[in-house]
Amino acid sequence: MSKEALERVKVFLLSPGVLIFLLTAVFVLNLFDAGVSWWLISSGLAIELNPLMAALMSVSFYLFFAVKLIMGILMVKITLPRIKDMPVKITIWLMFLVYGLLGLYNLYGLILGILILAL
């Protein structure tokens, strides 16, 4: 690839539209993580998965969900106003990478949990 083509790809990947899409994906993956964690902990398959979240769930499911929702909202609220700064752009991509890998891990745990309960 030429330098111009690489520069166009870089500009596209760091454009505000792509970054807002990534923030939305991270928010949705955060909610997916909450749902899978709730299911794994409430089914008794992974109480040790996240002791803090298990403790919150023992108080109330709504408290657990509220903490996860507030974490997602704060993430968007902190990063969105600074979306043009390069460190924030890199942070958004890193959050997407981490939450994407966490989503795959949760999907793997969900499939294993369903198989364990089915047997």
PDB file of N, CA and C in Angstrom:
ATOM      1  N   MET A   1       0.837  -1.186   0.000  1.00  0.00           N
ATOM      2  CA  MET A   1       0.000   0.000   0.000  1.00  0.00           C
ATOM      3  C   MET A   1       0.883   1.251   0.000  1.00  0.00           C
ATOM      4  N   SER A   2       0.389   2.234  -0.634  1.00  0.00           N
ATOM      5  CA  SER A   2       1.135   3.489  -0.675  1.00  0.00           C
ATOM      6  C   SER A   2       0.910   4.272   0.621  1.00  0.00           C
ATOM      7  N   LYS A   3       1.738   5.264   0.816  1.00  0.00           N
ATOM      8  CA  LYS A   3       1.616   6.087   2.012  1.00  0.00           C
ATOM      9  C   LYS A   3       0.289   6.841   2.033  1.00  0.00           C
ATOM     10  N   GLU A   4      -0.174   7.249   0.858  1.00  0.00           N
ATOM     11  CA  GLU A   4      -1.448   7.971   0.795  1.00  0.00           C
ATOM     12  C   GLU A   4      -2.606   7.059   1.207  1.00  0.00           C
ATOM     13  N   ALA A   5      -2.564   5.810   0.753  1.00  0.00           N
ATOM     14  CA  ALA A   5      -3.622   4.860   1.106  1.00  0.00           C
ATOM     15  C   ALA A   5      -3.611   4.575   2.603  1.00  0.00           C
ATOM     16  N   LEU A   6      -2.435   4.409   3.170  1.00  0.00           N
ATOM     17  CA  LEU A   6      -2.332   4.179   4.615  1.00  0.00           C
ATOM     18  C   LEU A   6      -2.835   5.378   5.404  1.00  0.00           C
ATOM     19  N   GLU A   7      -2.551   6.552   4.916  1.00  0.00           N
ATOM     20  CA  GLU A   7      -3.018   7.770   5.585  1.00  0.00           C
ATOM     21  C   GLU A   7      -4.535   7.874   5.526  1.00  0.00           C
ATOM     22  N   ARG A   8      -5.125   7.499   4.380  1.00  0.00           N
ATOM     23  CA  ARG A   8      -6.591   7.518   4.269  1.00  0.00           C
ATOM     24  C   ARG A   8      -7.235   6.524   5.227  1.00  0.00           C
ATOM     25  N   VAL A   9      -6.627   5.331   5.362  1.00  0.00           N
ATOM     26  CA  VAL A   9      -7.140   4.326   6.297  1.00  0.00           C
ATOM     27  C   VAL A   9      -7.042   4.850   7.725  1.00  0.00           C
ATOM     28  N   LYS A  10      -5.923   5.456   8.063  1.00  0.00           N
ATOM     29  CA  LYS A  10      -5.728   6.020   9.403  1.00  0.00           C
ATOM     30  C   LYS A  10      -6.763   7.103   9.685  1.00  0.00           C
ATOM     31  N   VAL A  11      -6.978   7.997   8.724  1.00  0.00           N
ATOM     32  CA  VAL A  11      -7.962   9.068   8.903  1.00  0.00           C
ATOM     33  C   VAL A  11      -9.355   8.485   9.086  1.00  0.00           C
ATOM     34  N   PHE A  12      -9.689   7.451   8.306  1.00  0.00           N
ATOM     35  CA  PHE A  12     -11.003   6.815   8.435  1.00  0.00           C
ATOM     36  C   PHE A  12     -11.172   6.155   9.800  1.00  0.00           C
ATOM     37  N   LEU A  13     -10.172   5.383  10.233  1.00  0.00           N
ATOM     38  CA  LEU A  13     -10.277   4.654  11.501  1.00  0.00           C
ATOM     39  C   LEU A  13     -10.326   5.584  12.709  1.00  0.00           C
ATOM     40  N   LEU A  14      -9.797   6.786  12.570  1.00  0.00           N
ATOM     41  CA  LEU A  14      -9.810   7.750  13.666  1.00  0.00           C
ATOM     42  C   LEU A  14     -10.873   8.829  13.485  1.00  0.00           C
ATOM     43  N   SER A  15     -11.768   8.649  12.515  1.00  0.00           N
ATOM     44  CA  SER A  15     -12.819   9.639  12.287  1.00  0.00           C
ATOM     45  C   SER A  15     -13.869   9.553  13.408  1.00  0.00           C
ATOM     46  N   PRO A  16     -14.540  10.675  13.682  1.00  0.00           N
ATOM     47  CA  PRO A  16     -15.530  10.686  14.754  1.00  0.00           C
ATOM     48  C   PRO A  16     -16.658   9.663  14.567  1.00  0.00           C
ATOM     49  N   GLY A  17     -17.084   9.423  13.338  1.00  0.00           N
ATOM     50  CA  GLY A  17     -18.148   8.448  13.096  1.00  0.00           C
ATOM     51  C   GLY A  17     -17.750   7.043  13.506  1.00  0.00           C
ATOM     52  N   VAL A  18     -16.546   6.640  13.145  1.00  0.00           N
ATOM     53  CA  VAL A  18     -16.052   5.312  13.519  1.00  0.00           C
ATOM     54  C   VAL A  18     -15.884   5.231  15.026  1.00  0.00           C
ATOM     55  N   LEU A  19     -15.360   6.283  15.636  1.00  0.00           N
ATOM     56  CA  LEU A  19     -15.146   6.270  17.081  1.00  0.00           C
ATOM     57  C   LEU A  19     -16.466   6.216  17.850  1.00  0.00           C
ATOM     58  N   ILE A  20     -17.484   6.906  17.371  1.00  0.00           N
ATOM     59  CA  ILE A  20     -18.799   6.842  18.020  1.00  0.00           C
ATOM     60  C   ILE A  20     -19.391   5.446  17.858  1.00  0.00           C
ATOM     61  N   PHE A  21     -19.212   4.838  16.698  1.00  0.00           N
ATOM     62  CA  PHE A  21     -19.652   3.451  16.505  1.00  0.00           C
ATOM     63  C   PHE A  21     -18.945   2.528  17.499  1.00  0.00           C
ATOM     64  N   LEU A  22     -17.630   2.708  17.673  1.00  0.00           N
ATOM     65  CA  LEU A  22     -16.872   1.876  18.611  1.00  0.00           C
ATOM     66  C   LEU A  22     -17.337   2.092  20.045  1.00  0.00           C
ATOM     67  N   LEU A  23     -17.619   3.343  20.420  1.00  0.00           N
ATOM     68  CA  LEU A  23     -18.138   3.608  21.761  1.00  0.00           C
ATOM     69  C   LEU A  23     -19.482   2.922  21.972  1.00  0.00           C
ATOM     70  N   THR A  24     -20.335   2.957  20.961  1.00  0.00           N
ATOM     71  CA  THR A  24     -21.625   2.278  21.049  1.00  0.00           C
ATOM     72  C   THR A  24     -21.423   0.771  21.186  1.00  0.00           C
ATOM     73  N   ALA A  25     -20.490   0.222  20.417  1.00  0.00           N
ATOM     74  CA  ALA A  25     -20.200  -1.212  20.517  1.00  0.00           C
ATOM     75  C   ALA A  25     -19.668  -1.579  21.897  1.00  0.00           C
ATOM     76  N   VAL A  26     -18.814  -0.742  22.461  1.00  0.00           N
ATOM     77  CA  VAL A  26     -18.282  -0.997  23.807  1.00  0.00           C
ATOM     78  C   VAL A  26     -19.415  -0.952  24.829  1.00  0.00           C
ATOM     79  N   PHE A  27     -20.333  -0.007  24.684  1.00  0.00           N
ATOM     80  CA  PHE A  27     -21.468   0.090  25.604  1.00  0.00           C
ATOM     81  C   PHE A  27     -22.334  -1.164  25.522  1.00  0.00           C
ATOM     82  N   VAL A  28     -22.613  -1.620  24.308  1.00  0.00           N
ATOM     83  CA  VAL A  28     -23.416  -2.835  24.127  1.00  0.00           C
ATOM     84  C   VAL A  28     -22.677  -4.060  24.675  1.00  0.00           C
ATOM     85  N   LEU A  29     -21.369  -4.139  24.431  1.00  0.00           N
ATOM     86  CA  LEU A  29     -20.582  -5.252  24.972  1.00  0.00           C
ATOM     87  C   LEU A  29     -20.544  -5.211  26.493  1.00  0.00           C
ATOM     88  N   ASN A  30     -20.570  -4.028  27.084  1.00  0.00           N
ATOM     89  CA  ASN A  30     -20.643  -3.895  28.533  1.00  0.00           C
ATOM     90  C   ASN A  30     -21.954  -4.481  29.052  1.00  0.00           C
ATOM     91  N   LEU A  31     -23.057  -4.192  28.371  1.00  0.00           N
ATOM     92  CA  LEU A  31     -24.349  -4.747  28.767  1.00  0.00           C
ATOM     93  C   LEU A  31     -24.382  -6.260  28.545  1.00  0.00           C
ATOM     94  N   PHE A  32     -23.774  -6.737  27.475  1.00  0.00           N
ATOM     95  CA  PHE A  32     -23.666  -8.178  27.238  1.00  0.00           C
ATOM     96  C   PHE A  32     -22.876  -8.838  28.360  1.00  0.00           C
ATOM     97  N   ASP A  33     -21.782  -8.202  28.772  1.00  0.00           N
ATOM     98  CA  ASP A  33     -20.985  -8.703  29.887  1.00  0.00           C
ATOM     99  C   ASP A  33     -21.828  -8.768  31.158  1.00  0.00           C
ATOM    100  N   ALA A  34     -22.642  -7.757  31.391  1.00  0.00           N
ATOM    101  CA  ALA A  34     -23.510  -7.750  32.571  1.00  0.00           C
ATOM    102  C   ALA A  34     -24.501  -8.904  32.524  1.00  0.00           C
ATOM    103  N   GLY A  35     -25.114  -9.112  31.364  1.00  0.00           N
ATOM    104  CA  GLY A  35     -26.092 -10.189  31.237  1.00  0.00           C
ATOM    105  C   GLY A  35     -25.479 -11.568  31.423  1.00  0.00           C
ATOM    106  N   VAL A  36     -24.348 -11.798  30.790  1.00  0.00           N
ATOM    107  CA  VAL A  36     -23.692 -13.107  30.905  1.00  0.00           C
ATOM    108  C   VAL A  36     -23.177 -13.317  32.326  1.00  0.00           C
ATOM    109  N   SER A  37     -22.578 -12.285  32.914  1.00  0.00           N
ATOM    110  CA  SER A  37     -22.097 -12.408  34.298  1.00  0.00           C
ATOM    111  C   SER A  37     -23.256 -12.695  35.240  1.00  0.00           C
ATOM    112  N   TRP A  38     -24.363 -11.993  35.049  1.00  0.00           N
ATOM    113  CA  TRP A  38     -25.542 -12.238  35.884  1.00  0.00           C
ATOM    114  C   TRP A  38     -26.012 -13.676  35.750  1.00  0.00           C
ATOM    115  N   TRP A  39     -26.085 -14.181  34.516  1.00  0.00           N
ATOM    116  CA  TRP A  39     -26.558 -15.544  34.310  1.00  0.00           C
ATOM    117  C   TRP A  39     -25.602 -16.564  34.916  1.00  0.00           C
ATOM    118  N   LEU A  40     -24.305 -16.383  34.691  1.00  0.00           N
ATOM    119  CA  LEU A  40     -23.330 -17.331  35.223  1.00  0.00           C
ATOM    120  C   LEU A  40     -23.304 -17.324  36.746  1.00  0.00           C
ATOM    121  N   ILE A  41     -23.404 -16.163  37.350  1.00  0.00           N
ATOM    122  CA  ILE A  41     -23.378 -16.079  38.815  1.00  0.00           C
ATOM    123  C   ILE A  41     -24.685 -16.588  39.404  1.00  0.00           C
ATOM    124  N   SER A  42     -25.826 -16.205  38.828  1.00  0.00           N
ATOM    125  CA  SER A  42     -27.122 -16.629  39.381  1.00  0.00           C
ATOM    126  C   SER A  42     -27.374 -18.116  39.187  1.00  0.00           C
ATOM    127  N   SER A  43     -26.773 -18.715  38.156  1.00  0.00           N
ATOM    128  CA  SER A  43     -26.948 -20.156  37.959  1.00  0.00           C
ATOM    129  C   SER A  43     -26.003 -20.960  38.852  1.00  0.00           C
ATOM    130  N   GLY A  44     -25.075 -20.286  39.520  1.00  0.00           N
ATOM    131  CA  GLY A  44     -24.146 -20.966  40.411  1.00  0.00           C
ATOM    132  C   GLY A  44     -22.932 -21.526  39.698  1.00  0.00           C
ATOM    133  N   LEU A  45     -22.811 -21.255  38.417  1.00  0.00           N
ATOM    134  CA  LEU A  45     -21.673 -21.792  37.659  1.00  0.00           C
ATOM    135  C   LEU A  45     -20.391 -21.016  37.894  1.00  0.00           C
ATOM    136  N   ALA A  46     -20.501 -19.745  38.227  1.00  0.00           N
ATOM    137  CA  ALA A  46     -19.283 -18.931  38.337  1.00  0.00           C
ATOM    138  C   ALA A  46     -19.447 -17.843  39.381  1.00  0.00           C
ATOM    139  N   ILE A  47     -19.697 -18.231  40.615  1.00  0.00           N
ATOM    140  CA  ILE A  47     -19.804 -17.229  41.676  1.00  0.00           C
ATOM    141  C   ILE A  47     -18.460 -16.555  41.882  1.00  0.00           C
ATOM    142  N   GLU A  48     -17.384 -17.317  41.700  1.00  0.00           N
ATOM    143  CA  GLU A  48     -16.048 -16.761  41.884  1.00  0.00           C
ATOM    144  C   GLU A  48     -15.582 -15.961  40.672  1.00  0.00           C
ATOM    145  N   LEU A  49     -16.375 -15.919  39.611  1.00  0.00           N
ATOM    146  CA  LEU A  49     -16.007 -15.199  38.389  1.00  0.00           C
ATOM    147  C   LEU A  49     -15.672 -13.743  38.685  1.00  0.00           C
ATOM    148  N   ASN A  50     -16.536 -13.101  39.429  1.00  0.00           N
ATOM    149  CA  ASN A  50     -16.314 -11.702  39.790  1.00  0.00           C
ATOM    150  C   ASN A  50     -16.905 -11.497  41.181  1.00  0.00           C
ATOM    151  N   PRO A  51     -16.092 -11.591  42.227  1.00  0.00           N
ATOM    152  CA  PRO A  51     -16.622 -11.520  43.587  1.00  0.00           C
ATOM    153  C   PRO A  51     -17.369 -10.222  43.901  1.00  0.00           C
ATOM    154  N   LEU A  52     -16.887  -9.095  43.351  1.00  0.00           N
ATOM    155  CA  LEU A  52     -17.567  -7.823  43.603  1.00  0.00           C
ATOM    156  C   LEU A  52     -18.967  -7.844  43.001  1.00  0.00           C
ATOM    157  N   MET A  53     -19.077  -8.297  41.754  1.00  0.00           N
ATOM    158  CA  MET A  53     -20.395  -8.353  41.121  1.00  0.00           C
ATOM    159  C   MET A  53     -21.291  -9.386  41.808  1.00  0.00           C
ATOM    160  N   ALA A  54     -20.719 -10.499  42.284  1.00  0.00           N
ATOM    161  CA  ALA A  54     -21.508 -11.490  43.022  1.00  0.00           C
ATOM    162  C   ALA A  54     -22.046 -10.877  44.317  1.00  0.00           C
ATOM    163  N   ALA A  55     -21.224 -10.063  44.978  1.00  0.00           N
ATOM    164  CA  ALA A  55     -21.678  -9.399  46.200  1.00  0.00           C
ATOM    165  C   ALA A  55     -22.795  -8.400  45.893  1.00  0.00           C
ATOM    166  N   LEU A  56     -22.659  -7.660  44.808  1.00  0.00           N
ATOM    167  CA  LEU A  56     -23.717  -6.725  44.412  1.00  0.00           C
ATOM    168  C   LEU A  56     -24.996  -7.471  44.060  1.00  0.00           C
ATOM    169  N   MET A  57     -24.858  -8.608  43.397  1.00  0.00           N
ATOM    170  CA  MET A  57     -26.049  -9.390  43.024  1.00  0.00           C
ATOM    171  C   MET A  57     -26.727  -9.981  44.243  1.00  0.00           C
ATOM    172  N   SER A  58     -25.946 -10.293  45.295  1.00  0.00           N
ATOM    173  CA  SER A  58     -26.561 -10.842  46.500  1.00  0.00           C
ATOM    174  C   SER A  58     -27.430  -9.794  47.187  1.00  0.00           C
ATOM    175  N   VAL A  59     -27.104  -8.513  46.996  1.00  0.00           N
ATOM    176  CA  VAL A  59     -27.925  -7.436  47.543  1.00  0.00           C
ATOM    177  C   VAL A  59     -29.157  -7.248  46.661  1.00  0.00           C
ATOM    178  N   SER A  60     -28.920  -7.064  45.361  1.00  0.00           N
ATOM    179  CA  SER A  60     -30.027  -6.858  44.426  1.00  0.00           C
ATOM    180  C   SER A  60     -29.508  -6.940  42.997  1.00  0.00           C
ATOM    181  N   PHE A  61     -30.309  -7.570  42.134  1.00  0.00           N
ATOM    182  CA  PHE A  61     -29.946  -7.600  40.719  1.00  0.00           C
ATOM    183  C   PHE A  61     -29.911  -6.189  40.162  1.00  0.00           C
ATOM    184  N   TYR A  62     -30.816  -5.347  40.627  1.00  0.00           N
ATOM    185  CA  TYR A  62     -30.892  -3.988  40.098  1.00  0.00           C
ATOM    186  C   TYR A  62     -29.650  -3.180  40.465  1.00  0.00           C
ATOM    187  N   LEU A  63     -29.090  -3.419  41.643  1.00  0.00           N
ATOM    188  CA  LEU A  63     -27.858  -2.743  42.026  1.00  0.00           C
ATOM    189  C   LEU A  63     -26.715  -3.174  41.112  1.00  0.00           C
ATOM    190  N   PHE A  64     -26.631  -4.471  40.841  1.00  0.00           N
ATOM    191  CA  PHE A  64     -25.615  -5.000  39.935  1.00  0.00           C
ATOM    192  C   PHE A  64     -25.750  -4.367  38.553  1.00  0.00           C
ATOM    193  N   PHE A  65     -26.960  -4.368  38.018  1.00  0.00           N
ATOM    194  CA  PHE A  65     -27.188  -3.814  36.690  1.00  0.00           C
ATOM    195  C   PHE A  65     -26.939  -2.309  36.668  1.00  0.00           C
ATOM    196  N   ALA A  66     -27.313  -1.612  37.754  1.00  0.00           N
ATOM    197  CA  ALA A  66     -27.103  -0.163  37.825  1.00  0.00           C
ATOM    198  C   ALA A  66     -25.611   0.172  37.800  1.00  0.00           C
ATOM    199  N   VAL A  67     -24.797  -0.616  38.505  1.00  0.00           N
ATOM    200  CA  VAL A  67     -23.354  -0.376  38.510  1.00  0.00           C
ATOM    201  C   VAL A  67     -22.790  -0.549  37.105  1.00  0.00           C
ATOM    202  N   LYS A  68     -23.176  -1.622  36.418  1.00  0.00           N
ATOM    203  CA  LYS A  68     -22.687  -1.849  35.051  1.00  0.00           C
ATOM    204  C   LYS A  68     -23.173  -0.749  34.107  1.00  0.00           C
ATOM    205  N   LEU A  69     -24.424  -0.329  34.251  1.00  0.00           N
ATOM    206  CA  LEU A  69     -24.972   0.719  33.397  1.00  0.00           C
ATOM    207  C   LEU A  69     -24.280   2.053  33.654  1.00  0.00           C
ATOM    208  N   ILE A  70     -24.046   2.382  34.920  1.00  0.00           N
ATOM    209  CA  ILE A  70     -23.366   3.636  35.259  1.00  0.00           C
ATOM    210  C   ILE A  70     -21.931   3.612  34.729  1.00  0.00           C
ATOM    211  N   MET A  71     -21.257   2.464  34.806  1.00  0.00           N
ATOM    212  CA  MET A  71     -19.907   2.363  34.256  1.00  0.00           C
ATOM    213  C   MET A  71     -19.911   2.658  32.756  1.00  0.00           C
ATOM    214  N   GLY A  72     -20.886   2.112  32.037  1.00  0.00           N
ATOM    215  CA  GLY A  72     -20.979   2.356  30.602  1.00  0.00           C
ATOM    216  C   GLY A  72     -21.303   3.802  30.278  1.00  0.00           C
ATOM    217  N   ILE A  73     -22.226   4.391  31.024  1.00  0.00           N
ATOM    218  CA  ILE A  73     -22.598   5.783  30.786  1.00  0.00           C
ATOM    219  C   ILE A  73     -21.425   6.715  31.084  1.00  0.00           C
ATOM    220  N   LEU A  74     -20.713   6.464  32.175  1.00  0.00           N
ATOM    221  CA  LEU A  74     -19.550   7.295  32.504  1.00  0.00           C
ATOM    222  C   LEU A  74     -18.464   7.181  31.442  1.00  0.00           C
ATOM    223  N   MET A  75     -18.285   5.965  30.917  1.00  0.00           N
ATOM    224  CA  MET A  75     -17.287   5.777  29.867  1.00  0.00           C
ATOM    225  C   MET A  75     -17.622   6.658  28.660  1.00  0.00           C
ATOM    226  N   VAL A  76     -18.874   6.674  28.258  1.00  0.00           N
ATOM    227  CA  VAL A  76     -19.291   7.494  27.121  1.00  0.00           C
ATOM    228  C   VAL A  76     -19.194   8.980  27.473  1.00  0.00           C
ATOM    229  N   LYS A  77     -19.641   9.343  28.677  1.00  0.00           N
ATOM    230  CA  LYS A  77     -19.639  10.749  29.083  1.00  0.00           C
ATOM    231  C   LYS A  77     -18.220  11.315  29.186  1.00  0.00           C
ATOM    232  N   ILE A  78     -17.272  10.506  29.605  1.00  0.00           N
ATOM    233  CA  ILE A  78     -15.895  10.985  29.752  1.00  0.00           C
ATOM    234  C   ILE A  78     -15.199  11.091  28.392  1.00  0.00           C
ATOM    235  N   THR A  79     -15.425  10.126  27.520  1.00  0.00           N
ATOM    236  CA  THR A  79     -14.676  10.104  26.263  1.00  0.00           C
ATOM    237  C   THR A  79     -15.311  10.940  25.150  1.00  0.00           C
ATOM    238  N   LEU A  80     -16.621  11.034  25.103  1.00  0.00           N
ATOM    239  CA  LEU A  80     -17.279  11.715  23.977  1.00  0.00           C
ATOM    240  C   LEU A  80     -16.887  13.184  23.815  1.00  0.00           C
ATOM    241  N   PRO A  81     -16.825  13.991  24.892  1.00  0.00           N
ATOM    242  CA  PRO A  81     -16.446  15.399  24.682  1.00  0.00           C
ATOM    243  C   PRO A  81     -15.006  15.583  24.189  1.00  0.00           C
ATOM    244  N   ARG A  82     -14.166  14.609  24.430  1.00  0.00           N
ATOM    245  CA  ARG A  82     -12.750  14.724  24.044  1.00  0.00           C
ATOM    246  C   ARG A  82     -12.408  13.838  22.850  1.00  0.00           C
ATOM    247  N   ILE A  83     -13.379  13.547  22.023  1.00  0.00           N
ATOM    248  CA  ILE A  83     -13.205  12.552  20.964  1.00  0.00           C
ATOM    249  C   ILE A  83     -12.172  12.971  19.913  1.00  0.00           C
ATOM    250  N   LYS A  84     -11.826  14.251  19.848  1.00  0.00           N
ATOM    251  CA  LYS A  84     -10.849  14.697  18.847  1.00  0.00           C
ATOM    252  C   LYS A  84      -9.411  14.597  19.327  1.00  0.00           C
ATOM    253  N   ASP A  85      -9.209  14.328  20.629  1.00  0.00           N
ATOM    254  CA  ASP A  85      -7.854  14.188  21.167  1.00  0.00           C
ATOM    255  C   ASP A  85      -7.292  12.810  20.825  1.00  0.00           C
ATOM    256  N   MET A  86      -6.036  12.752  20.414  1.00  0.00           N
ATOM    257  CA  MET A  86      -5.420  11.491  20.017  1.00  0.00           C
ATOM    258  C   MET A  86      -5.374  10.460  21.150  1.00  0.00           C
ATOM    259  N   PRO A  87      -5.032  10.841  22.399  1.00  0.00           N
ATOM    260  CA  PRO A  87      -5.047   9.827  23.459  1.00  0.00           C
ATOM    261  C   PRO A  87      -6.428   9.209  23.674  1.00  0.00           C
ATOM    262  N   VAL A  88      -7.480  10.009  23.505  1.00  0.00           N
ATOM    263  CA  VAL A  88      -8.844   9.485  23.660  1.00  0.00           C
ATOM    264  C   VAL A  88      -9.169   8.539  22.512  1.00  0.00           C
ATOM    265  N   LYS A  89      -8.735   8.867  21.308  1.00  0.00           N
ATOM    266  CA  LYS A  89      -8.960   7.987  20.161  1.00  0.00           C
ATOM    267  C   LYS A  89      -8.298   6.635  20.395  1.00  0.00           C
ATOM    268  N   ILE A  90      -7.073   6.657  20.884  1.00  0.00           N
ATOM    269  CA  ILE A  90      -6.362   5.402  21.170  1.00  0.00           C
ATOM    270  C   ILE A  90      -7.061   4.646  22.290  1.00  0.00           C
ATOM    271  N   THR A  91      -7.524   5.363  23.302  1.00  0.00           N
ATOM    272  CA  THR A  91      -8.233   4.732  24.418  1.00  0.00           C
ATOM    273  C   THR A  91      -9.510   4.053  23.949  1.00  0.00           C
ATOM    274  N   ILE A  92     -10.247   4.699  23.064  1.00  0.00           N
ATOM    275  CA  ILE A  92     -11.485   4.106  22.548  1.00  0.00           C
ATOM    276  C   ILE A  92     -11.170   2.815  21.802  1.00  0.00           C
ATOM    277  N   TRP A  93     -10.134   2.818  20.974  1.00  0.00           N
ATOM    278  CA  TRP A  93      -9.763   1.598  20.261  1.00  0.00           C
ATOM    279  C   TRP A  93      -9.317   0.502  21.227  1.00  0.00           C
ATOM    280  N   LEU A  94      -8.576   0.878  22.273  1.00  0.00           N
ATOM    281  CA  LEU A  94      -8.149  -0.120  23.257  1.00  0.00           C
ATOM    282  C   LEU A  94      -9.339  -0.671  24.047  1.00  0.00           C
ATOM    283  N   MET A  95     -10.290   0.195  24.406  1.00  0.00           N
ATOM    284  CA  MET A  95     -11.496  -0.281  25.097  1.00  0.00           C
ATOM    285  C   MET A  95     -12.274  -1.235  24.198  1.00  0.00           C
ATOM    286  N   PHE A  96     -12.364  -0.899  22.916  1.00  0.00           N
ATOM    287  CA  PHE A  96     -13.061  -1.791  21.991  1.00  0.00           C
ATOM    288  C   PHE A  96     -12.364  -3.143  21.904  1.00  0.00           C
ATOM    289  N   LEU A  97     -11.049  -3.132  21.851  1.00  0.00           N
ATOM    290  CA  LEU A  97     -10.285  -4.378  21.812  1.00  0.00           C
ATOM    291  C   LEU A  97     -10.512  -5.204  23.081  1.00  0.00           C
ATOM    292  N   VAL A  98     -10.418  -4.565  24.237  1.00  0.00           N
ATOM    293  CA  VAL A  98     -10.593  -5.272  25.510  1.00  0.00           C
ATOM    294  C   VAL A  98     -12.017  -5.808  25.644  1.00  0.00           C
ATOM    295  N   TYR A  99     -13.004  -4.974  25.378  1.00  0.00           N
ATOM    296  CA  TYR A  99     -14.384  -5.427  25.504  1.00  0.00           C
ATOM    297  C   TYR A  99     -14.748  -6.441  24.421  1.00  0.00           C
ATOM    298  N   GLY A 100     -14.131  -6.350  23.252  1.00  0.00           N
ATOM    299  CA  GLY A 100     -14.346  -7.364  22.225  1.00  0.00           C
ATOM    300  C   GLY A 100     -13.818  -8.721  22.672  1.00  0.00           C
ATOM    301  N   LEU A 101     -12.613  -8.724  23.241  1.00  0.00           N
ATOM    302  CA  LEU A 101     -12.054  -9.980  23.762  1.00  0.00           C
ATOM    303  C   LEU A 101     -12.866 -10.491  24.949  1.00  0.00           C
ATOM    304  N   LEU A 102     -13.318  -9.582  25.803  1.00  0.00           N
ATOM    305  CA  LEU A 102     -14.171  -9.975  26.925  1.00  0.00           C
ATOM    306  C   LEU A 102     -15.489 -10.545  26.422  1.00  0.00           C
ATOM    307  N   GLY A 103     -16.028  -9.974  25.353  1.00  0.00           N
ATOM    308  CA  GLY A 103     -17.258 -10.507  24.765  1.00  0.00           C
ATOM    309  C   GLY A 103     -17.064 -11.914  24.234  1.00  0.00           C
ATOM    310  N   LEU A 104     -15.927 -12.169  23.588  1.00  0.00           N
ATOM    311  CA  LEU A 104     -15.641 -13.535  23.119  1.00  0.00           C
ATOM    312  C   LEU A 104     -15.497 -14.498  24.289  1.00  0.00           C
ATOM    313  N   TYR A 105     -14.825 -14.049  25.347  1.00  0.00           N
ATOM    314  CA  TYR A 105     -14.673 -14.871  26.550  1.00  0.00           C
ATOM    315  C   TYR A 105     -16.034 -15.163  27.183  1.00  0.00           C
ATOM    316  N   ASN A 106     -16.899 -14.141  27.239  1.00  0.00           N
ATOM    317  CA  ASN A 106     -18.242 -14.342  27.787  1.00  0.00           C
ATOM    318  C   ASN A 106     -19.064 -15.282  26.921  1.00  0.00           C
ATOM    319  N   LEU A 107     -18.918 -15.163  25.617  1.00  0.00           N
ATOM    320  CA  LEU A 107     -19.629 -16.063  24.714  1.00  0.00           C
ATOM    321  C   LEU A 107     -19.180 -17.504  24.920  1.00  0.00           C
ATOM    322  N   TYR A 108     -17.887 -17.695  25.084  1.00  0.00           N
ATOM    323  CA  TYR A 108     -17.329 -19.024  25.375  1.00  0.00           C
ATOM    324  C   TYR A 108     -17.888 -19.555  26.700  1.00  0.00           C
ATOM    325  N   GLY A 109     -17.905 -18.706  27.737  1.00  0.00           N
ATOM    326  CA  GLY A 109     -18.459 -19.119  29.026  1.00  0.00           C
ATOM    327  C   GLY A 109     -19.938 -19.415  28.947  1.00  0.00           C
ATOM    328  N   LEU A 110     -20.666 -18.657  28.156  1.00  0.00           N
ATOM    329  CA  LEU A 110     -22.095 -18.872  27.980  1.00  0.00           C
ATOM    330  C   LEU A 110     -22.354 -20.214  27.316  1.00  0.00           C
ATOM    331  N   ILE A 111     -21.600 -20.518  26.271  1.00  0.00           N
ATOM    332  CA  ILE A 111     -21.774 -21.801  25.581  1.00  0.00           C
ATOM    333  C   ILE A 111     -21.416 -22.958  26.508  1.00  0.00           C
ATOM    334  N   LEU A 112     -20.302 -22.836  27.240  1.00  0.00           N
ATOM    335  CA  LEU A 112     -19.932 -23.885  28.186  1.00  0.00           C
ATOM    336  C   LEU A 112     -20.976 -24.057  29.279  1.00  0.00           C
ATOM    337  N   GLY A 113     -21.501 -22.928  29.787  1.00  0.00           N
ATOM    338  CA  GLY A 113     -22.528 -22.994  30.823  1.00  0.00           C
ATOM    339  C   GLY A 113     -23.789 -23.677  30.334  1.00  0.00           C
ATOM    340  N   ILE A 114     -24.194 -23.397  29.125  1.00  0.00           N
ATOM    341  CA  ILE A 114     -25.389 -24.038  28.562  1.00  0.00           C
ATOM    342  C   ILE A 114     -25.139 -25.540  28.397  1.00  0.00           C
ATOM    343  N   LEU A 115     -23.950 -25.886  27.915  1.00  0.00           N
ATOM    344  CA  LEU A 115     -23.626 -27.304  27.761  1.00  0.00           C
ATOM    345  C   LEU A 115     -23.579 -28.023  29.106  1.00  0.00           C
ATOM    346  N   ILE A 116     -23.028 -27.386  30.131  1.00  0.00           N
ATOM    347  CA  ILE A 116     -22.963 -28.002  31.459  1.00  0.00           C
ATOM    348  C   ILE A 116     -24.366 -28.208  32.018  1.00  0.00           C
ATOM    349  N   LEU A 117     -25.219 -27.202  31.885  1.00  0.00           N
ATOM    350  CA  LEU A 117     -26.576 -27.328  32.405  1.00  0.00           C
ATOM    351  C   LEU A 117     -27.416 -28.306  31.597  1.00  0.00           C
ATOM    352  N   ALA A 118     -27.083 -28.476  30.324  1.00  0.00           N
ATOM    353  CA  ALA A 118     -27.843 -29.389  29.465  1.00  0.00           C
ATOM    354  C   ALA A 118     -27.494 -30.850  29.762  1.00  0.00           C
ATOM    355  N   LEU A 119     -26.303 -31.097  30.272  1.00  0.00           N
ATOM    356  CA  LEU A 119     -25.873 -32.480  30.525  1.00  0.00           C
ATOM    357  C   LEU A 119     -26.346 -32.943  31.838  1.00  0.00           C
TER     358      LEU A 119
END
